[in-house]
Amino acid sequence: MLTAAIFLGGEDLTADLQCKRTKEGREIEYARHRLVVAARAAGVDVYDTPFTDVDDLEGLVKDAETAKSMGFTGKASISPRHVEGINTVFSPTEKEIA
């Protein structure tokens, strides 16, 4: 079986770690970095955990920008309201396409 991508489930991880999940995400920072490194070493895509506050669109964009800066390929979404913000952050610019 071929693995095409890996995905971080931040809510499940923090439940297993018995720690509080926060918007800032410091409690999953280590796992985020480890997953990116593992994905790049394996040559597969890596998708960040969803941002769970469906009403905080500004927070979503900030979290997506953080994920992109870490090297994530994309970000999962639990709300259709988040798709536009995620696409804006992760879509390549004209300069990047050229």
PDB file of N, CA and C in Angstrom:
ATOM      1  N   MET A   1       0.841  -1.177   0.000  1.00  0.00           N
ATOM      2  CA  MET A   1       0.000   0.000   0.000  1.00  0.00           C
ATOM      3  C   MET A   1       0.885   1.239   0.000  1.00  0.00           C
ATOM      4  N   LEU A   2       0.553   2.205  -0.835  1.00  0.00           N
ATOM      5  CA  LEU A   2       1.318   3.434  -0.963  1.00  0.00           C
ATOM      6  C   LEU A   2       0.666   4.556  -0.161  1.00  0.00           C
ATOM      7  N   THR A   3       1.449   5.253   0.637  1.00  0.00           N
ATOM      8  CA  THR A   3       0.949   6.402   1.382  1.00  0.00           C
ATOM      9  C   THR A   3       1.116   7.638   0.526  1.00  0.00           C
ATOM     10  N   ALA A   4       0.016   8.367   0.311  1.00  0.00           N
ATOM     11  CA  ALA A   4       0.054   9.567  -0.513  1.00  0.00           C
ATOM     12  C   ALA A   4       0.212  10.834   0.327  1.00  0.00           C
ATOM     13  N   ALA A   5      -0.255  10.789   1.573  1.00  0.00           N
ATOM     14  CA  ALA A   5      -0.195  11.971   2.428  1.00  0.00           C
ATOM     15  C   ALA A   5      -0.391  11.552   3.882  1.00  0.00           C
ATOM     16  N   ILE A   6       0.004  12.450   4.791  1.00  0.00           N
ATOM     17  CA  ILE A   6      -0.301  12.248   6.205  1.00  0.00           C
ATOM     18  C   ILE A   6      -1.024  13.484   6.722  1.00  0.00           C
ATOM     19  N   PHE A   7      -1.760  13.296   7.792  1.00  0.00           N
ATOM     20  CA  PHE A   7      -2.655  14.325   8.313  1.00  0.00           C
ATOM     21  C   PHE A   7      -2.530  14.385   9.830  1.00  0.00           C
ATOM     22  N   LEU A   8      -2.471  15.599  10.350  1.00  0.00           N
ATOM     23  CA  LEU A   8      -2.406  15.784  11.797  1.00  0.00           C
ATOM     24  C   LEU A   8      -3.802  15.981  12.358  1.00  0.00           C
ATOM     25  N   GLY A   9      -4.187  15.146  13.301  1.00  0.00           N
ATOM     26  CA  GLY A   9      -5.446  15.293  14.027  1.00  0.00           C
ATOM     27  C   GLY A   9      -5.170  15.916  15.382  1.00  0.00           C
ATOM     28  N   GLY A  10      -5.142  17.230  15.431  1.00  0.00           N
ATOM     29  CA  GLY A  10      -4.776  17.941  16.658  1.00  0.00           C
ATOM     30  C   GLY A  10      -5.702  17.689  17.827  1.00  0.00           C
ATOM     31  N   GLU A  11      -6.989  17.549  17.563  1.00  0.00           N
ATOM     32  CA  GLU A  11      -7.941  17.313  18.652  1.00  0.00           C
ATOM     33  C   GLU A  11      -7.712  15.930  19.267  1.00  0.00           C
ATOM     34  N   ASP A  12      -7.534  14.932  18.411  1.00  0.00           N
ATOM     35  CA  ASP A  12      -7.273  13.580  18.913  1.00  0.00           C
ATOM     36  C   ASP A  12      -5.940  13.520  19.652  1.00  0.00           C
ATOM     37  N   LEU A  13      -4.929  14.188  19.108  1.00  0.00           N
ATOM     38  CA  LEU A  13      -3.619  14.187  19.743  1.00  0.00           C
ATOM     39  C   LEU A  13      -3.672  14.796  21.138  1.00  0.00           C
ATOM     40  N   THR A  14      -4.294  15.951  21.267  1.00  0.00           N
ATOM     41  CA  THR A  14      -4.342  16.588  22.592  1.00  0.00           C
ATOM     42  C   THR A  14      -5.195  15.782  23.565  1.00  0.00           C
ATOM     43  N   ALA A  15      -6.210  15.101  23.075  1.00  0.00           N
ATOM     44  CA  ALA A  15      -6.986  14.226  23.960  1.00  0.00           C
ATOM     45  C   ALA A  15      -6.100  13.091  24.471  1.00  0.00           C
ATOM     46  N   ASP A  16      -5.319  12.498  23.574  1.00  0.00           N
ATOM     47  CA  ASP A  16      -4.415  11.419  23.978  1.00  0.00           C
ATOM     48  C   ASP A  16      -3.334  11.916  24.938  1.00  0.00           C
ATOM     49  N   LEU A  17      -2.865  13.130  24.714  1.00  0.00           N
ATOM     50  CA  LEU A  17      -1.829  13.704  25.574  1.00  0.00           C
ATOM     51  C   LEU A  17      -2.397  14.251  26.883  1.00  0.00           C
ATOM     52  N   GLN A  18      -3.702  14.301  26.978  1.00  0.00           N
ATOM     53  CA  GLN A  18      -4.407  14.827  28.142  1.00  0.00           C
ATOM     54  C   GLN A  18      -4.003  16.274  28.432  1.00  0.00           C
ATOM     55  N   CYS A  19      -3.954  17.059  27.354  1.00  0.00           N
ATOM     56  CA  CYS A  19      -3.652  18.486  27.509  1.00  0.00           C
ATOM     57  C   CYS A  19      -4.755  19.303  26.846  1.00  0.00           C
ATOM     58  N   LYS A  20      -4.783  20.573  27.165  1.00  0.00           N
ATOM     59  CA  LYS A  20      -5.819  21.456  26.645  1.00  0.00           C
ATOM     60  C   LYS A  20      -5.452  21.930  25.239  1.00  0.00           C
ATOM     61  N   ARG A  21      -6.387  21.843  24.318  1.00  0.00           N
ATOM     62  CA  ARG A  21      -6.208  22.345  22.952  1.00  0.00           C
ATOM     63  C   ARG A  21      -6.516  23.832  22.956  1.00  0.00           C
ATOM     64  N   THR A  22      -5.604  24.633  22.415  1.00  0.00           N
ATOM     65  CA  THR A  22      -5.788  26.083  22.385  1.00  0.00           C
ATOM     66  C   THR A  22      -5.743  26.591  20.950  1.00  0.00           C
ATOM     67  N   LYS A  23      -6.247  27.794  20.734  1.00  0.00           N
ATOM     68  CA  LYS A  23      -6.181  28.410  19.408  1.00  0.00           C
ATOM     69  C   LYS A  23      -4.745  28.659  18.979  1.00  0.00           C
ATOM     70  N   GLU A  24      -3.890  28.984  19.926  1.00  0.00           N
ATOM     71  CA  GLU A  24      -2.493  29.273  19.609  1.00  0.00           C
ATOM     72  C   GLU A  24      -1.752  28.034  19.139  1.00  0.00           C
ATOM     73  N   GLY A  25      -2.134  26.861  19.628  1.00  0.00           N
ATOM     74  CA  GLY A  25      -1.578  25.606  19.159  1.00  0.00           C
ATOM     75  C   GLY A  25      -0.181  25.260  19.649  1.00  0.00           C
ATOM     76  N   ARG A  26       0.289  25.918  20.685  1.00  0.00           N
ATOM     77  CA  ARG A  26       1.640  25.617  21.184  1.00  0.00           C
ATOM     78  C   ARG A  26       1.760  24.153  21.620  1.00  0.00           C
ATOM     79  N   GLU A  27       0.661  23.592  22.095  1.00  0.00           N
ATOM     80  CA  GLU A  27       0.694  22.217  22.588  1.00  0.00           C
ATOM     81  C   GLU A  27       0.868  21.182  21.470  1.00  0.00           C
ATOM     82  N   ILE A  28       0.654  21.568  20.221  1.00  0.00           N
ATOM     83  CA  ILE A  28       0.844  20.632  19.101  1.00  0.00           C
ATOM     84  C   ILE A  28       1.982  21.060  18.170  1.00  0.00           C
ATOM     85  N   GLU A  29       2.702  22.076  18.560  1.00  0.00           N
ATOM     86  CA  GLU A  29       3.782  22.597  17.714  1.00  0.00           C
ATOM     87  C   GLU A  29       4.839  21.529  17.402  1.00  0.00           C
ATOM     88  N   TYR A  30       5.248  20.786  18.403  1.00  0.00           N
ATOM     89  CA  TYR A  30       6.250  19.736  18.199  1.00  0.00           C
ATOM     90  C   TYR A  30       5.747  18.701  17.177  1.00  0.00           C
ATOM     91  N   ALA A  31       4.508  18.261  17.355  1.00  0.00           N
ATOM     92  CA  ALA A  31       3.929  17.262  16.445  1.00  0.00           C
ATOM     93  C   ALA A  31       3.828  17.814  15.027  1.00  0.00           C
ATOM     94  N   ARG A  32       3.467  19.074  14.900  1.00  0.00           N
ATOM     95  CA  ARG A  32       3.387  19.688  13.564  1.00  0.00           C
ATOM     96  C   ARG A  32       4.740  19.611  12.859  1.00  0.00           C
ATOM     97  N   HIS A  33       5.779  20.026  13.553  1.00  0.00           N
ATOM     98  CA  HIS A  33       7.114  20.011  12.946  1.00  0.00           C
ATOM     99  C   HIS A  33       7.553  18.580  12.606  1.00  0.00           C
ATOM    100  N   ARG A  34       7.323  17.653  13.498  1.00  0.00           N
ATOM    101  CA  ARG A  34       7.710  16.255  13.261  1.00  0.00           C
ATOM    102  C   ARG A  34       7.008  15.680  12.040  1.00  0.00           C
ATOM    103  N   LEU A  35       5.714  15.986  11.898  1.00  0.00           N
ATOM    104  CA  LEU A  35       4.972  15.456  10.748  1.00  0.00           C
ATOM    105  C   LEU A  35       5.495  16.013   9.439  1.00  0.00           C
ATOM    106  N   VAL A  36       5.811  17.296   9.421  1.00  0.00           N
ATOM    107  CA  VAL A  36       6.354  17.892   8.191  1.00  0.00           C
ATOM    108  C   VAL A  36       7.675  17.225   7.825  1.00  0.00           C
ATOM    109  N   VAL A  37       8.532  17.045   8.799  1.00  0.00           N
ATOM    110  CA  VAL A  37       9.826  16.405   8.539  1.00  0.00           C
ATOM    111  C   VAL A  37       9.615  14.981   8.024  1.00  0.00           C
ATOM    112  N   ALA A  38       8.737  14.228   8.664  1.00  0.00           N
ATOM    113  CA  ALA A  38       8.473  12.846   8.242  1.00  0.00           C
ATOM    114  C   ALA A  38       7.889  12.795   6.837  1.00  0.00           C
ATOM    115  N   ALA A  39       6.970  13.695   6.536  1.00  0.00           N
ATOM    116  CA  ALA A  39       6.346  13.716   5.208  1.00  0.00           C
ATOM    117  C   ALA A  39       7.365  14.052   4.130  1.00  0.00           C
ATOM    118  N   ARG A  40       8.184  15.037   4.389  1.00  0.00           N
ATOM    119  CA  ARG A  40       9.195  15.424   3.400  1.00  0.00           C
ATOM    120  C   ARG A  40      10.201  14.293   3.197  1.00  0.00           C
ATOM    121  N   ALA A  41      10.587  13.614   4.272  1.00  0.00           N
ATOM    122  CA  ALA A  41      11.522  12.499   4.161  1.00  0.00           C
ATOM    123  C   ALA A  41      10.913  11.353   3.346  1.00  0.00           C
ATOM    124  N   ALA A  42       9.597  11.173   3.472  1.00  0.00           N
ATOM    125  CA  ALA A  42       8.903  10.102   2.747  1.00  0.00           C
ATOM    126  C   ALA A  42       8.447  10.529   1.357  1.00  0.00           C
ATOM    127  N   GLY A  43       8.555  11.822   1.062  1.00  0.00           N
ATOM    128  CA  GLY A  43       8.132  12.319  -0.249  1.00  0.00           C
ATOM    129  C   GLY A  43       6.625  12.348  -0.432  1.00  0.00           C
ATOM    130  N   VAL A  44       5.896  12.607   0.659  1.00  0.00           N
ATOM    131  CA  VAL A  44       4.436  12.677   0.580  1.00  0.00           C
ATOM    132  C   VAL A  44       3.940  14.036   1.085  1.00  0.00           C
ATOM    133  N   ASP A  45       2.703  14.348   0.746  1.00  0.00           N
ATOM    134  CA  ASP A  45       2.076  15.583   1.221  1.00  0.00           C
ATOM    135  C   ASP A  45       1.740  15.461   2.700  1.00  0.00           C
ATOM    136  N   VAL A  46       1.567  16.616   3.346  1.00  0.00           N
ATOM    137  CA  VAL A  46       1.217  16.642   4.760  1.00  0.00           C
ATOM    138  C   VAL A  46       0.197  17.753   4.994  1.00  0.00           C
ATOM    139  N   TYR A  47      -0.909  17.379   5.638  1.00  0.00           N
ATOM    140  CA  TYR A  47      -2.017  18.303   5.861  1.00  0.00           C
ATOM    141  C   TYR A  47      -2.183  18.604   7.340  1.00  0.00           C
ATOM    142  N   ASP A  48      -2.329  19.898   7.624  1.00  0.00           N
ATOM    143  CA  ASP A  48      -2.445  20.361   8.999  1.00  0.00           C
ATOM    144  C   ASP A  48      -3.846  20.116   9.540  1.00  0.00           C
ATOM    145  N   THR A  49      -3.933  20.080  10.838  1.00  0.00           N
ATOM    146  CA  THR A  49      -5.183  19.882  11.558  1.00  0.00           C
ATOM    147  C   THR A  49      -6.167  21.024  11.277  1.00  0.00           C
ATOM    148  N   PRO A  50      -7.456  20.771  11.338  1.00  0.00           N
ATOM    149  CA  PRO A  50      -8.426  21.853  11.134  1.00  0.00           C
ATOM    150  C   PRO A  50      -8.359  22.888  12.263  1.00  0.00           C
ATOM    151  N   PHE A  51      -8.731  24.105  11.923  1.00  0.00           N
ATOM    152  CA  PHE A  51      -8.931  25.164  12.905  1.00  0.00           C
ATOM    153  C   PHE A  51     -10.390  25.040  13.321  1.00  0.00           C
ATOM    154  N   THR A  52     -10.659  24.820  14.595  1.00  0.00           N
ATOM    155  CA  THR A  52     -11.998  24.413  15.002  1.00  0.00           C
ATOM    156  C   THR A  52     -12.968  25.535  15.354  1.00  0.00           C
ATOM    157  N   ASP A  53     -12.518  26.772  15.427  1.00  0.00           N
ATOM    158  CA  ASP A  53     -13.444  27.877  15.706  1.00  0.00           C
ATOM    159  C   ASP A  53     -14.014  28.358  14.370  1.00  0.00           C
ATOM    160  N   VAL A  54     -15.204  27.904  14.039  1.00  0.00           N
ATOM    161  CA  VAL A  54     -15.778  28.208  12.722  1.00  0.00           C
ATOM    162  C   VAL A  54     -16.141  29.681  12.558  1.00  0.00           C
ATOM    163  N   ASP A  55     -16.205  30.427  13.638  1.00  0.00           N
ATOM    164  CA  ASP A  55     -16.559  31.844  13.560  1.00  0.00           C
ATOM    165  C   ASP A  55     -15.356  32.776  13.524  1.00  0.00           C
ATOM    166  N   ASP A  56     -14.160  32.278  13.734  1.00  0.00           N
ATOM    167  CA  ASP A  56     -12.955  33.109  13.784  1.00  0.00           C
ATOM    168  C   ASP A  56     -12.175  32.989  12.473  1.00  0.00           C
ATOM    169  N   LEU A  57     -12.617  33.729  11.466  1.00  0.00           N
ATOM    170  CA  LEU A  57     -11.984  33.640  10.155  1.00  0.00           C
ATOM    171  C   LEU A  57     -10.591  34.255  10.158  1.00  0.00           C
ATOM    172  N   GLU A  58     -10.378  35.285  10.954  1.00  0.00           N
ATOM    173  CA  GLU A  58      -9.051  35.894  11.072  1.00  0.00           C
ATOM    174  C   GLU A  58      -8.073  34.916  11.724  1.00  0.00           C
ATOM    175  N   GLY A  59      -8.532  34.234  12.767  1.00  0.00           N
ATOM    176  CA  GLY A  59      -7.704  33.234  13.426  1.00  0.00           C
ATOM    177  C   GLY A  59      -7.377  32.074  12.504  1.00  0.00           C
ATOM    178  N   LEU A  60      -8.332  31.701  11.672  1.00  0.00           N
ATOM    179  CA  LEU A  60      -8.100  30.633  10.700  1.00  0.00           C
ATOM    180  C   LEU A  60      -6.973  30.994   9.748  1.00  0.00           C
ATOM    181  N   VAL A  61      -7.036  32.202   9.196  1.00  0.00           N
ATOM    182  CA  VAL A  61      -6.002  32.629   8.248  1.00  0.00           C
ATOM    183  C   VAL A  61      -4.638  32.656   8.933  1.00  0.00           C
ATOM    184  N   LYS A  62      -4.578  33.169  10.137  1.00  0.00           N
ATOM    185  CA  LYS A  62      -3.312  33.197  10.873  1.00  0.00           C
ATOM    186  C   LYS A  62      -2.787  31.784  11.099  1.00  0.00           C
ATOM    187  N   ASP A  63      -3.665  30.854  11.478  1.00  0.00           N
ATOM    188  CA  ASP A  63      -3.259  29.474  11.716  1.00  0.00           C
ATOM    189  C   ASP A  63      -2.813  28.809  10.412  1.00  0.00           C
ATOM    190  N   ALA A  64      -3.502  29.080   9.321  1.00  0.00           N
ATOM    191  CA  ALA A  64      -3.116  28.530   8.016  1.00  0.00           C
ATOM    192  C   ALA A  64      -1.758  29.081   7.588  1.00  0.00           C
ATOM    193  N   GLU A  65      -1.527  30.360   7.818  1.00  0.00           N
ATOM    194  CA  GLU A  65      -0.227  30.956   7.478  1.00  0.00           C
ATOM    195  C   GLU A  65       0.890  30.309   8.296  1.00  0.00           C
ATOM    196  N   THR A  66       0.617  30.038   9.565  1.00  0.00           N
ATOM    197  CA  THR A  66       1.600  29.350  10.405  1.00  0.00           C
ATOM    198  C   THR A  66       1.891  27.969   9.842  1.00  0.00           C
ATOM    199  N   ALA A  67       0.846  27.236   9.486  1.00  0.00           N
ATOM    200  CA  ALA A  67       1.019  25.891   8.929  1.00  0.00           C
ATOM    201  C   ALA A  67       1.824  25.928   7.632  1.00  0.00           C
ATOM    202  N   LYS A  68       1.514  26.883   6.771  1.00  0.00           N
ATOM    203  CA  LYS A  68       2.250  26.986   5.511  1.00  0.00           C
ATOM    204  C   LYS A  68       3.717  27.306   5.775  1.00  0.00           C
ATOM    205  N   SER A  69       3.973  28.184   6.734  1.00  0.00           N
ATOM    206  CA  SER A  69       5.356  28.547   7.041  1.00  0.00           C
ATOM    207  C   SER A  69       6.140  27.370   7.615  1.00  0.00           C
ATOM    208  N   MET A  70       5.450  26.404   8.215  1.00  0.00           N
ATOM    209  CA  MET A  70       6.097  25.203   8.751  1.00  0.00           C
ATOM    210  C   MET A  70       6.395  24.189   7.652  1.00  0.00           C
ATOM    211  N   GLY A  71       5.735  24.329   6.516  1.00  0.00           N
ATOM    212  CA  GLY A  71       5.969  23.406   5.415  1.00  0.00           C
ATOM    213  C   GLY A  71       4.807  22.502   5.070  1.00  0.00           C
ATOM    214  N   PHE A  72       3.650  22.713   5.691  1.00  0.00           N
ATOM    215  CA  PHE A  72       2.494  21.896   5.368  1.00  0.00           C
ATOM    216  C   PHE A  72       2.062  22.132   3.924  1.00  0.00           C
ATOM    217  N   THR A  73       1.558  21.086   3.295  1.00  0.00           N
ATOM    218  CA  THR A  73       1.050  21.135   1.928  1.00  0.00           C
ATOM    219  C   THR A  73      -0.301  21.845   1.873  1.00  0.00           C
ATOM    220  N   GLY A  74      -1.095  21.642   2.896  1.00  0.00           N
ATOM    221  CA  GLY A  74      -2.438  22.211   2.958  1.00  0.00           C
ATOM    222  C   GLY A  74      -2.981  22.070   4.359  1.00  0.00           C
ATOM    223  N   LYS A  75      -4.265  22.396   4.497  1.00  0.00           N
ATOM    224  CA  LYS A  75      -4.899  22.379   5.813  1.00  0.00           C
ATOM    225  C   LYS A  75      -6.299  21.794   5.674  1.00  0.00           C
ATOM    226  N   ALA A  76      -6.655  20.928   6.605  1.00  0.00           N
ATOM    227  CA  ALA A  76      -7.996  20.360   6.619  1.00  0.00           C
ATOM    228  C   ALA A  76      -8.997  21.398   7.118  1.00  0.00           C
ATOM    229  N   SER A  77     -10.256  21.190   6.779  1.00  0.00           N
ATOM    230  CA  SER A  77     -11.303  22.106   7.201  1.00  0.00           C
ATOM    231  C   SER A  77     -12.498  21.323   7.724  1.00  0.00           C
ATOM    232  N   ILE A  78     -13.133  21.845   8.769  1.00  0.00           N
ATOM    233  CA  ILE A  78     -14.359  21.236   9.268  1.00  0.00           C
ATOM    234  C   ILE A  78     -15.561  22.106   8.934  1.00  0.00           C
ATOM    235  N   SER A  79     -15.331  23.235   8.266  1.00  0.00           N
ATOM    236  CA  SER A  79     -16.417  24.149   7.941  1.00  0.00           C
ATOM    237  C   SER A  79     -16.241  24.710   6.537  1.00  0.00           C
ATOM    238  N   PRO A  80     -17.308  24.753   5.762  1.00  0.00           N
ATOM    239  CA  PRO A  80     -17.220  25.375   4.438  1.00  0.00           C
ATOM    240  C   PRO A  80     -16.801  26.848   4.511  1.00  0.00           C
ATOM    241  N   ARG A  81     -17.036  27.486   5.651  1.00  0.00           N
ATOM    242  CA  ARG A  81     -16.648  28.887   5.832  1.00  0.00           C
ATOM    243  C   ARG A  81     -15.130  29.064   5.805  1.00  0.00           C
ATOM    244  N   HIS A  82     -14.389  28.011   6.048  1.00  0.00           N
ATOM    245  CA  HIS A  82     -12.933  28.097   6.118  1.00  0.00           C
ATOM    246  C   HIS A  82     -12.237  27.830   4.791  1.00  0.00           C
ATOM    247  N   VAL A  83     -12.942  27.275   3.838  1.00  0.00           N
ATOM    248  CA  VAL A  83     -12.309  26.860   2.583  1.00  0.00           C
ATOM    249  C   VAL A  83     -11.664  28.038   1.852  1.00  0.00           C
ATOM    250  N   GLU A  84     -12.349  29.149   1.757  1.00  0.00           N
ATOM    251  CA  GLU A  84     -11.799  30.300   1.039  1.00  0.00           C
ATOM    252  C   GLU A  84     -10.499  30.790   1.676  1.00  0.00           C
ATOM    253  N   GLY A  85     -10.475  30.909   2.995  1.00  0.00           N
ATOM    254  CA  GLY A  85      -9.270  31.368   3.677  1.00  0.00           C
ATOM    255  C   GLY A  85      -8.108  30.409   3.494  1.00  0.00           C
ATOM    256  N   ILE A  86      -8.382  29.118   3.583  1.00  0.00           N
ATOM    257  CA  ILE A  86      -7.336  28.111   3.390  1.00  0.00           C
ATOM    258  C   ILE A  86      -6.810  28.173   1.960  1.00  0.00           C
ATOM    259  N   ASN A  87      -7.724  28.256   1.002  1.00  0.00           N
ATOM    260  CA  ASN A  87      -7.299  28.336  -0.396  1.00  0.00           C
ATOM    261  C   ASN A  87      -6.478  29.592  -0.669  1.00  0.00           C
ATOM    262  N   THR A  88      -6.849  30.695  -0.066  1.00  0.00           N
ATOM    263  CA  THR A  88      -6.090  31.938  -0.251  1.00  0.00           C
ATOM    264  C   THR A  88      -4.661  31.773   0.246  1.00  0.00           C
ATOM    265  N   VAL A  89      -4.503  31.165   1.397  1.00  0.00           N
ATOM    266  CA  VAL A  89      -3.166  30.988   1.983  1.00  0.00           C
ATOM    267  C   VAL A  89      -2.329  29.978   1.197  1.00  0.00           C
ATOM    268  N   PHE A  90      -2.924  28.860   0.809  1.00  0.00           N
ATOM    269  CA  PHE A  90      -2.140  27.782   0.220  1.00  0.00           C
ATOM    270  C   PHE A  90      -2.066  27.792  -1.308  1.00  0.00           C
ATOM    271  N   SER A  91      -2.846  28.621  -1.974  1.00  0.00           N
ATOM    272  CA  SER A  91      -2.761  28.705  -3.426  1.00  0.00           C
ATOM    273  C   SER A  91      -1.485  29.437  -3.825  1.00  0.00           C
ATOM    274  N   PRO A  92      -0.802  28.966  -4.861  1.00  0.00           N
ATOM    275  CA  PRO A  92       0.426  29.648  -5.282  1.00  0.00           C
ATOM    276  C   PRO A  92       0.136  31.016  -5.884  1.00  0.00           C
ATOM    277  N   THR A  93       1.059  31.943  -5.677  1.00  0.00           N
ATOM    278  CA  THR A  93       0.927  33.264  -6.275  1.00  0.00           C
ATOM    279  C   THR A  93       1.317  33.188  -7.750  1.00  0.00           C
ATOM    280  N   GLU A  94       1.010  34.216  -8.497  1.00  0.00           N
ATOM    281  CA  GLU A  94       1.428  34.272  -9.915  1.00  0.00           C
ATOM    282  C   GLU A  94       2.943  34.153 -10.032  1.00  0.00           C
ATOM    283  N   LYS A  95       3.659  34.813  -9.118  1.00  0.00           N
ATOM    284  CA  LYS A  95       5.119  34.762  -9.131  1.00  0.00           C
ATOM    285  C   LYS A  95       5.619  33.325  -8.881  1.00  0.00           C
ATOM    286  N   GLU A  96       4.989  32.623  -7.934  1.00  0.00           N
ATOM    287  CA  GLU A  96       5.380  31.250  -7.646  1.00  0.00           C
ATOM    288  C   GLU A  96       5.083  30.323  -8.830  1.00  0.00           C
ATOM    289  N   ILE A  97       4.005  30.575  -9.532  1.00  0.00           N
ATOM    290  CA  ILE A  97       3.653  29.766 -10.701  1.00  0.00           C
ATOM    291  C   ILE A  97       4.670  29.970 -11.821  1.00  0.00           C
ATOM    292  N   ALA A  98       5.056  31.228 -12.017  1.00  0.00           N
ATOM    293  CA  ALA A  98       6.039  31.556 -13.082  1.00  0.00           C
ATOM    294  C   ALA A  98       7.382  30.945 -12.736  1.00  0.00           C
TER     295      ALA A  98
END
